[in-house]
PDB file of N, CA and C in Angstrom:
ATOM      1  N   MET A   1      -8.399   3.595 -25.813  1.00  0.00           N
ATOM      2  CA  MET A   1      -7.966   2.334 -26.365  1.00  0.00           C
ATOM      3  C   MET A   1      -7.687   2.541 -27.852  1.00  0.00           C
ATOM      4  N   SER A   2      -6.659   1.896 -28.351  1.00  0.00           N
ATOM      5  CA  SER A   2      -6.327   2.071 -29.761  1.00  0.00           C
ATOM      6  C   SER A   2      -7.338   1.345 -30.642  1.00  0.00           C
ATOM      7  N   ASP A   3      -7.413   1.779 -31.868  1.00  0.00           N
ATOM      8  CA  ASP A   3      -8.347   1.168 -32.815  1.00  0.00           C
ATOM      9  C   ASP A   3      -8.043  -0.318 -33.010  1.00  0.00           C
ATOM     10  N   PHE A   4      -6.770  -0.673 -33.045  1.00  0.00           N
ATOM     11  CA  PHE A   4      -6.402  -2.068 -33.258  1.00  0.00           C
ATOM     12  C   PHE A   4      -6.838  -2.957 -32.090  1.00  0.00           C
ATOM     13  N   LYS A   5      -6.730  -2.451 -30.890  1.00  0.00           N
ATOM     14  CA  LYS A   5      -7.188  -3.215 -29.726  1.00  0.00           C
ATOM     15  C   LYS A   5      -8.701  -3.395 -29.770  1.00  0.00           C
ATOM     16  N   THR A   6      -9.408  -2.363 -30.178  1.00  0.00           N
ATOM     17  CA  THR A   6     -10.863  -2.449 -30.285  1.00  0.00           C
ATOM     18  C   THR A   6     -11.257  -3.472 -31.333  1.00  0.00           C
ATOM     19  N   ILE A   7     -10.597  -3.453 -32.480  1.00  0.00           N
ATOM     20  CA  ILE A   7     -10.878  -4.425 -33.539  1.00  0.00           C
ATOM     21  C   ILE A   7     -10.585  -5.837 -33.052  1.00  0.00           C
ATOM     22  N   ALA A   8      -9.490  -6.025 -32.328  1.00  0.00           N
ATOM     23  CA  ALA A   8      -9.144  -7.345 -31.794  1.00  0.00           C
ATOM     24  C   ALA A   8     -10.193  -7.827 -30.801  1.00  0.00           C
ATOM     25  N   ARG A   9     -10.710  -6.933 -29.976  1.00  0.00           N
ATOM     26  CA  ARG A   9     -11.743  -7.320 -29.010  1.00  0.00           C
ATOM     27  C   ARG A   9     -13.043  -7.697 -29.711  1.00  0.00           C
ATOM     28  N   ILE A  10     -13.397  -6.974 -30.755  1.00  0.00           N
ATOM     29  CA  ILE A  10     -14.596  -7.311 -31.522  1.00  0.00           C
ATOM     30  C   ILE A  10     -14.417  -8.675 -32.187  1.00  0.00           C
ATOM     31  N   SER A  11     -13.254  -8.908 -32.784  1.00  0.00           N
ATOM     32  CA  SER A  11     -12.973 -10.194 -33.416  1.00  0.00           C
ATOM     33  C   SER A  11     -13.005 -11.330 -32.403  1.00  0.00           C
ATOM     34  N   GLY A  12     -12.466 -11.092 -31.232  1.00  0.00           N
ATOM     35  CA  GLY A  12     -12.481 -12.107 -30.177  1.00  0.00           C
ATOM     36  C   GLY A  12     -13.889 -12.448 -29.735  1.00  0.00           C
ATOM     37  N   ALA A  13     -14.741 -11.450 -29.637  1.00  0.00           N
ATOM     38  CA  ALA A  13     -16.130 -11.694 -29.249  1.00  0.00           C
ATOM     39  C   ALA A  13     -16.844 -12.529 -30.303  1.00  0.00           C
ATOM     40  N   ILE A  14     -16.539 -12.272 -31.557  1.00  0.00           N
ATOM     41  CA  ILE A  14     -17.143 -13.049 -32.642  1.00  0.00           C
ATOM     42  C   ILE A  14     -16.630 -14.481 -32.608  1.00  0.00           C
ATOM     43  N   ARG A  15     -15.323 -14.665 -32.413  1.00  0.00           N
ATOM     44  CA  ARG A  15     -14.738 -16.011 -32.366  1.00  0.00           C
ATOM     45  C   ARG A  15     -15.294 -16.845 -31.222  1.00  0.00           C
ATOM     46  N   LEU A  16     -15.546 -16.233 -30.086  1.00  0.00           N
ATOM     47  CA  LEU A  16     -16.026 -16.969 -28.920  1.00  0.00           C
ATOM     48  C   LEU A  16     -17.446 -17.495 -29.076  1.00  0.00           C
ATOM     49  N   CYS A  17     -18.192 -16.987 -30.026  1.00  0.00           N
ATOM     50  CA  CYS A  17     -19.594 -17.380 -30.142  1.00  0.00           C
ATOM     51  C   CYS A  17     -19.816 -18.543 -31.109  1.00  0.00           C
ATOM     52  N   LYS A  18     -18.785 -19.207 -31.563  1.00  0.00           N
ATOM     53  CA  LYS A  18     -18.954 -20.312 -32.508  1.00  0.00           C
ATOM     54  C   LYS A  18     -19.941 -21.343 -31.960  1.00  0.00           C
ATOM     55  N   GLY A  19     -21.019 -21.528 -32.686  1.00  0.00           N
ATOM     56  CA  GLY A  19     -22.019 -22.503 -32.309  1.00  0.00           C
ATOM     57  C   GLY A  19     -22.982 -22.056 -31.225  1.00  0.00           C
ATOM     58  N   ARG A  20     -22.804 -20.837 -30.731  1.00  0.00           N
ATOM     59  CA  ARG A  20     -23.687 -20.301 -29.687  1.00  0.00           C
ATOM     60  C   ARG A  20     -24.219 -18.956 -30.147  1.00  0.00           C
ATOM     61  N   PRO A  21     -25.296 -18.484 -29.532  1.00  0.00           N
ATOM     62  CA  PRO A  21     -25.794 -17.145 -29.862  1.00  0.00           C
ATOM     63  C   PRO A  21     -24.741 -16.079 -29.523  1.00  0.00           C
ATOM     64  N   PHE A  22     -24.705 -15.048 -30.337  1.00  0.00           N
ATOM     65  CA  PHE A  22     -23.733 -13.970 -30.140  1.00  0.00           C
ATOM     66  C   PHE A  22     -24.070 -13.175 -28.891  1.00  0.00           C
ATOM     67  N   ASP A  23     -23.071 -12.930 -28.062  1.00  0.00           N
ATOM     68  CA  ASP A  23     -23.233 -12.163 -26.831  1.00  0.00           C
ATOM     69  C   ASP A  23     -22.970 -10.687 -27.132  1.00  0.00           C
ATOM     70  N   MET A  24     -24.042  -9.920 -27.296  1.00  0.00           N
ATOM     71  CA  MET A  24     -23.908  -8.503 -27.635  1.00  0.00           C
ATOM     72  C   MET A  24     -23.214  -7.705 -26.530  1.00  0.00           C
ATOM     73  N   ALA A  25     -23.289  -8.179 -25.305  1.00  0.00           N
ATOM     74  CA  ALA A  25     -22.650  -7.462 -24.198  1.00  0.00           C
ATOM     75  C   ALA A  25     -21.132  -7.427 -24.371  1.00  0.00           C
ATOM     76  N   ALA A  26     -20.561  -8.444 -24.979  1.00  0.00           N
ATOM     77  CA  ALA A  26     -19.112  -8.499 -25.175  1.00  0.00           C
ATOM     78  C   ALA A  26     -18.638  -7.464 -26.195  1.00  0.00           C
ATOM     79  N   ALA A  27     -19.521  -7.059 -27.090  1.00  0.00           N
ATOM     80  CA  ALA A  27     -19.155  -6.085 -28.116  1.00  0.00           C
ATOM     81  C   ALA A  27     -19.873  -4.751 -27.918  1.00  0.00           C
ATOM     82  N   SER A  28     -20.388  -4.527 -26.728  1.00  0.00           N
ATOM     83  CA  SER A  28     -21.075  -3.264 -26.465  1.00  0.00           C
ATOM     84  C   SER A  28     -20.048  -2.136 -26.348  1.00  0.00           C
ATOM     85  N   PRO A  29     -20.466  -0.910 -26.632  1.00  0.00           N
ATOM     86  CA  PRO A  29     -19.536   0.218 -26.512  1.00  0.00           C
ATOM     87  C   PRO A  29     -18.944   0.327 -25.098  1.00  0.00           C
ATOM     88  N   GLY A  30     -19.735   0.032 -24.089  1.00  0.00           N
ATOM     89  CA  GLY A  30     -19.237   0.106 -22.716  1.00  0.00           C
ATOM     90  C   GLY A  30     -18.148  -0.912 -22.438  1.00  0.00           C
ATOM     91  N   ALA A  31     -18.330  -2.135 -22.940  1.00  0.00           N
ATOM     92  CA  ALA A  31     -17.332  -3.188 -22.734  1.00  0.00           C
ATOM     93  C   ALA A  31     -16.044  -2.891 -23.500  1.00  0.00           C
ATOM     94  N   LEU A  32     -16.182  -2.233 -24.633  1.00  0.00           N
ATOM     95  CA  LEU A  32     -15.013  -1.925 -25.456  1.00  0.00           C
ATOM     96  C   LEU A  32     -14.354  -0.610 -25.077  1.00  0.00           C
ATOM     97  N   GLY A  33     -15.072   0.227 -24.367  1.00  0.00           N
ATOM     98  CA  GLY A  33     -14.526   1.513 -23.955  1.00  0.00           C
ATOM     99  C   GLY A  33     -14.472   2.547 -25.064  1.00  0.00           C
ATOM    100  N   VAL A  34     -15.412   2.449 -26.009  1.00  0.00           N
ATOM    101  CA  VAL A  34     -15.471   3.394 -27.122  1.00  0.00           C
ATOM    102  C   VAL A  34     -16.909   3.880 -27.289  1.00  0.00           C
ATOM    103  N   PHE A  35     -17.086   4.880 -28.125  1.00  0.00           N
ATOM    104  CA  PHE A  35     -18.429   5.361 -28.454  1.00  0.00           C
ATOM    105  C   PHE A  35     -19.065   4.412 -29.462  1.00  0.00           C
ATOM    106  N   GLU A  36     -20.399   4.405 -29.501  1.00  0.00           N
ATOM    107  CA  GLU A  36     -21.122   3.497 -30.389  1.00  0.00           C
ATOM    108  C   GLU A  36     -20.743   3.706 -31.855  1.00  0.00           C
ATOM    109  N   GLY A  37     -20.654   4.939 -32.276  1.00  0.00           N
ATOM    110  CA  GLY A  37     -20.285   5.233 -33.663  1.00  0.00           C
ATOM    111  C   GLY A  37     -18.903   4.725 -34.031  1.00  0.00           C
ATOM    112  N   GLN A  38     -17.975   4.886 -33.105  1.00  0.00           N
ATOM    113  CA  GLN A  38     -16.603   4.407 -33.354  1.00  0.00           C
ATOM    114  C   GLN A  38     -16.586   2.885 -33.442  1.00  0.00           C
ATOM    115  N   ARG A  39     -17.328   2.221 -32.562  1.00  0.00           N
ATOM    116  CA  ARG A  39     -17.408   0.758 -32.608  1.00  0.00           C
ATOM    117  C   ARG A  39     -17.970   0.291 -33.943  1.00  0.00           C
ATOM    118  N   ASP A  40     -19.019   0.949 -34.409  1.00  0.00           N
ATOM    119  CA  ASP A  40     -19.647   0.561 -35.669  1.00  0.00           C
ATOM    120  C   ASP A  40     -18.698   0.729 -36.844  1.00  0.00           C
ATOM    121  N   VAL A  41     -17.954   1.816 -36.869  1.00  0.00           N
ATOM    122  CA  VAL A  41     -17.000   2.056 -37.947  1.00  0.00           C
ATOM    123  C   VAL A  41     -15.896   1.007 -37.918  1.00  0.00           C
ATOM    124  N   LEU A  42     -15.371   0.705 -36.753  1.00  0.00           N
ATOM    125  CA  LEU A  42     -14.276  -0.276 -36.663  1.00  0.00           C
ATOM    126  C   LEU A  42     -14.762  -1.696 -36.946  1.00  0.00           C
ATOM    127  N   ALA A  43     -15.995  -2.002 -36.597  1.00  0.00           N
ATOM    128  CA  ALA A  43     -16.542  -3.336 -36.861  1.00  0.00           C
ATOM    129  C   ALA A  43     -16.767  -3.544 -38.354  1.00  0.00           C
ATOM    130  N   ALA A  44     -17.086  -2.462 -39.052  1.00  0.00           N
ATOM    131  CA  ALA A  44     -17.339  -2.575 -40.497  1.00  0.00           C
ATOM    132  C   ALA A  44     -16.029  -2.805 -41.224  1.00  0.00           C
TER     133      ALA A  44
END
């Protein structure tokens, strides 16, 4: 998956949680299809 798609998915997971607890499963490395380190770098 491209970096831009991963960033968009992370942003979407954040947007969906407005007023509710954040669902970590939506931003997990498995759900995004990337390694944990790559997810952390792109989220930052």
